């Protein structure tokens, strides 16, 4: 009897490890308090532009502060527990996965910006509170697409975690 597993046993163990990784990623969903914090921050961002004529950079700084706080806190065990995550946070994600998610988010933001920016003068003149209504629409769409998001994350994680096998 040898200490080396057979090829079938090795393939089965590798498949089990990949399923375990997928289950860990599926189990790491955003807690409700994080979703609410980002939703309230987005609504406040839109309302600042609708209520004040020239809010300056305060809304952008508030969104940046919320995002950076979440990014830093979710990487530490104490911060992740404070945010409501069941695990140690986002420390166990492969770098290729993180870069792919950032690329997709940047692409979607660029598409949104370039599709709306030619129409902002019309929206400012003819649609009252269009920033706030846009944020409400964004929250509704992201809430409705949450199951699709988890499937996309799983597919992207599997795609980026393959290491030559």
Protein backbone atom coordinates (compact mmCIF):
# COMPACT_ATOMS: atom_id res chain seq x y z
CA UNK A 1 0.00 0.00 0.00
CA UNK A 2 1.37 3.42 -0.97
CA UNK A 3 0.82 6.88 0.42
CA UNK A 4 0.05 8.30 -2.99
CA UNK A 5 -3.61 8.58 -4.01
CA UNK A 6 -4.82 7.14 -7.27
CA UNK A 7 -5.66 9.56 -10.11
CA UNK A 8 -9.37 9.01 -9.44
CA UNK A 9 -8.96 9.83 -5.75
CA UNK A 10 -6.94 12.96 -6.59
CA UNK A 11 -9.56 14.14 -9.09
CA UNK A 12 -12.31 13.53 -6.54
CA UNK A 13 -10.41 15.47 -3.86
CA UNK A 14 -9.80 18.35 -6.28
CA UNK A 15 -13.48 18.44 -7.21
CA UNK A 16 -14.42 18.49 -3.53
CA UNK A 17 -12.02 21.38 -2.89
CA UNK A 18 -13.53 23.39 -5.74
CA UNK A 19 -17.06 22.74 -4.46
CA UNK A 20 -15.94 23.86 -1.00
CA UNK A 21 -14.53 27.09 -2.48
CA UNK A 22 -17.78 27.70 -4.34
CA UNK A 23 -19.83 27.08 -1.21
CA UNK A 24 -17.63 29.50 0.74
CA UNK A 25 -18.11 32.18 -1.91
CA UNK A 26 -21.85 31.60 -2.06
CA UNK A 27 -22.07 31.82 1.72
CA UNK A 28 -20.29 35.18 1.77
CA UNK A 29 -23.11 37.49 0.76
CA UNK A 30 -23.35 41.12 1.70
CA UNK A 31 -25.10 41.55 5.07
CA UNK A 32 -28.30 43.57 5.15
CA UNK A 33 -26.72 46.42 7.14
CA UNK A 34 -24.07 46.87 4.43
CA UNK A 35 -26.73 46.94 1.71
CA UNK A 36 -28.78 49.47 3.68
CA UNK A 37 -25.71 51.65 4.35
CA UNK A 38 -24.80 51.77 0.67
CA UNK A 39 -28.43 52.40 -0.31
CA UNK A 40 -28.81 55.28 2.15
CA UNK A 41 -25.46 56.71 1.03
CA UNK A 42 -26.57 56.53 -2.62
CA UNK A 43 -29.90 58.18 -1.86
CA UNK A 44 -28.17 60.93 0.11
CA UNK A 45 -25.79 61.42 -2.83
CA UNK A 46 -28.67 61.89 -5.25
CA UNK A 47 -30.66 64.07 -2.87
CA UNK A 48 -27.69 66.41 -2.35
CA UNK A 49 -27.63 67.18 -6.05
CA UNK A 50 -31.41 67.59 -6.20
CA UNK A 51 -31.86 69.76 -3.09
CA UNK A 52 -28.73 71.93 -3.19
CA UNK A 53 -27.86 73.81 -6.35
CA UNK A 54 -24.11 73.29 -5.95
CA UNK A 55 -23.23 70.77 -3.22
CA UNK A 56 -19.56 70.76 -4.17
CA UNK A 57 -17.51 67.68 -3.47
CA UNK A 58 -19.18 66.73 -0.17
CA UNK A 59 -21.41 63.97 -1.66
CA UNK A 60 -18.53 62.45 -3.59
CA UNK A 61 -16.35 62.46 -0.48
CA UNK A 62 -19.13 60.83 1.56
CA UNK A 63 -19.50 58.02 -1.00
CA UNK A 64 -15.71 57.58 -1.16
CA UNK A 65 -15.49 57.46 2.64
CA UNK A 66 -18.26 54.84 2.85
CA UNK A 67 -16.64 52.72 0.17
CA UNK A 68 -13.15 52.89 1.65
CA UNK A 69 -14.45 52.18 5.15
CA UNK A 70 -16.21 49.08 3.87
CA UNK A 71 -13.18 47.95 1.87
CA UNK A 72 -10.81 48.29 4.81
CA UNK A 73 -13.14 46.99 7.52
CA UNK A 74 -14.22 43.92 5.55
CA UNK A 75 -10.59 42.74 5.34
CA UNK A 76 -10.07 42.49 9.10
CA UNK A 77 -11.77 39.89 11.30
CA UNK A 78 -13.02 42.48 13.81
CA UNK A 79 -14.27 44.84 11.10
CA UNK A 80 -15.95 42.03 9.18
CA UNK A 81 -17.75 40.92 12.34
CA UNK A 82 -18.82 44.52 13.00
CA UNK A 83 -20.23 44.78 9.46
CA UNK A 84 -22.14 41.51 9.94
CA UNK A 85 -20.10 39.04 7.89
CA UNK A 86 -20.04 35.49 9.19
CA UNK A 87 -16.49 34.85 8.01
CA UNK A 88 -13.27 36.81 8.19
CA UNK A 89 -14.29 39.04 5.31
CA UNK A 90 -12.82 39.48 1.87
CA UNK A 91 -9.27 38.35 2.60
CA UNK A 92 -9.58 34.94 0.95
CA UNK A 93 -10.44 36.04 -2.57
CA UNK A 94 -7.95 35.39 -5.37
CA UNK A 95 -6.37 38.53 -6.85
CA UNK A 96 -7.57 37.64 -10.36
CA UNK A 97 -11.16 37.53 -9.08
CA UNK A 98 -10.84 40.92 -7.39
CA UNK A 99 -9.34 42.48 -10.53
CA UNK A 100 -12.05 40.96 -12.74
CA UNK A 101 -14.81 42.32 -10.48
CA UNK A 102 -13.19 45.76 -10.44
CA UNK A 103 -12.91 45.71 -14.23
CA UNK A 104 -16.60 44.80 -14.63
CA UNK A 105 -17.67 47.52 -12.18
CA UNK A 106 -15.48 50.12 -13.93
CA UNK A 107 -16.92 49.12 -17.30
CA UNK A 108 -20.50 49.42 -16.06
CA UNK A 109 -19.79 52.79 -14.46
CA UNK A 110 -18.21 54.10 -17.66
CA UNK A 111 -21.18 52.91 -19.74
CA UNK A 112 -23.58 54.59 -17.31
CA UNK A 113 -21.65 57.83 -17.27
CA UNK A 114 -21.29 58.12 -21.03
CA UNK A 115 -24.92 57.20 -21.64
CA UNK A 116 -26.32 59.76 -19.17
CA UNK A 117 -23.87 62.68 -19.48
CA UNK A 118 -25.18 64.00 -22.85
CA UNK A 119 -28.68 64.25 -21.37
CA UNK A 120 -27.97 65.91 -18.01
CA UNK A 121 -28.94 69.41 -19.15
CA UNK A 122 -32.34 68.16 -20.33
CA UNK A 123 -32.86 66.14 -17.15
CA UNK A 124 -31.93 69.12 -14.94
CA UNK A 125 -34.47 71.32 -16.74
CA UNK A 126 -37.38 68.90 -17.22
CA UNK A 127 -37.25 66.11 -14.63
CA UNK A 128 -37.49 67.14 -10.97
CA UNK A 129 -35.42 65.10 -8.51
CA UNK A 130 -33.93 62.97 -11.26
CA UNK A 131 -30.81 62.13 -9.24
CA UNK A 132 -32.86 60.69 -6.38
CA UNK A 133 -35.20 58.84 -8.74
CA UNK A 134 -32.17 57.43 -10.55
CA UNK A 135 -30.73 56.15 -7.27
CA UNK A 136 -34.08 54.58 -6.36
CA UNK A 137 -34.15 52.90 -9.78
CA UNK A 138 -30.58 51.67 -9.28
CA UNK A 139 -31.46 50.22 -5.87
CA UNK A 140 -34.52 48.48 -7.34
CA UNK A 141 -32.54 47.00 -10.23
CA UNK A 142 -29.70 45.76 -8.03
CA UNK A 143 -32.17 44.22 -5.60
CA UNK A 144 -33.99 42.44 -8.41
CA UNK A 145 -30.74 41.17 -9.94
CA UNK A 146 -29.24 39.81 -6.69
CA UNK A 147 -29.73 36.11 -7.65
CA UNK A 148 -28.08 36.76 -11.01
CA UNK A 149 -25.23 38.52 -9.22
CA UNK A 150 -24.51 35.48 -7.07
CA UNK A 151 -24.43 33.23 -10.15
CA UNK A 152 -22.11 35.68 -11.89
CA UNK A 153 -19.81 35.77 -8.87
CA UNK A 154 -19.69 31.99 -8.77
CA UNK A 155 -18.89 31.76 -12.50
CA UNK A 156 -16.24 34.48 -12.26
CA UNK A 157 -14.68 32.89 -9.18
CA UNK A 158 -14.44 29.51 -10.91
CA UNK A 159 -13.01 31.16 -14.03
CA UNK A 160 -10.33 33.09 -12.15
CA UNK A 161 -9.41 30.40 -9.61
CA UNK A 162 -8.35 27.73 -12.10
CA UNK A 163 -4.63 27.22 -11.84
CA UNK A 164 -3.63 25.20 -14.85
CA UNK A 165 -6.12 22.40 -14.21
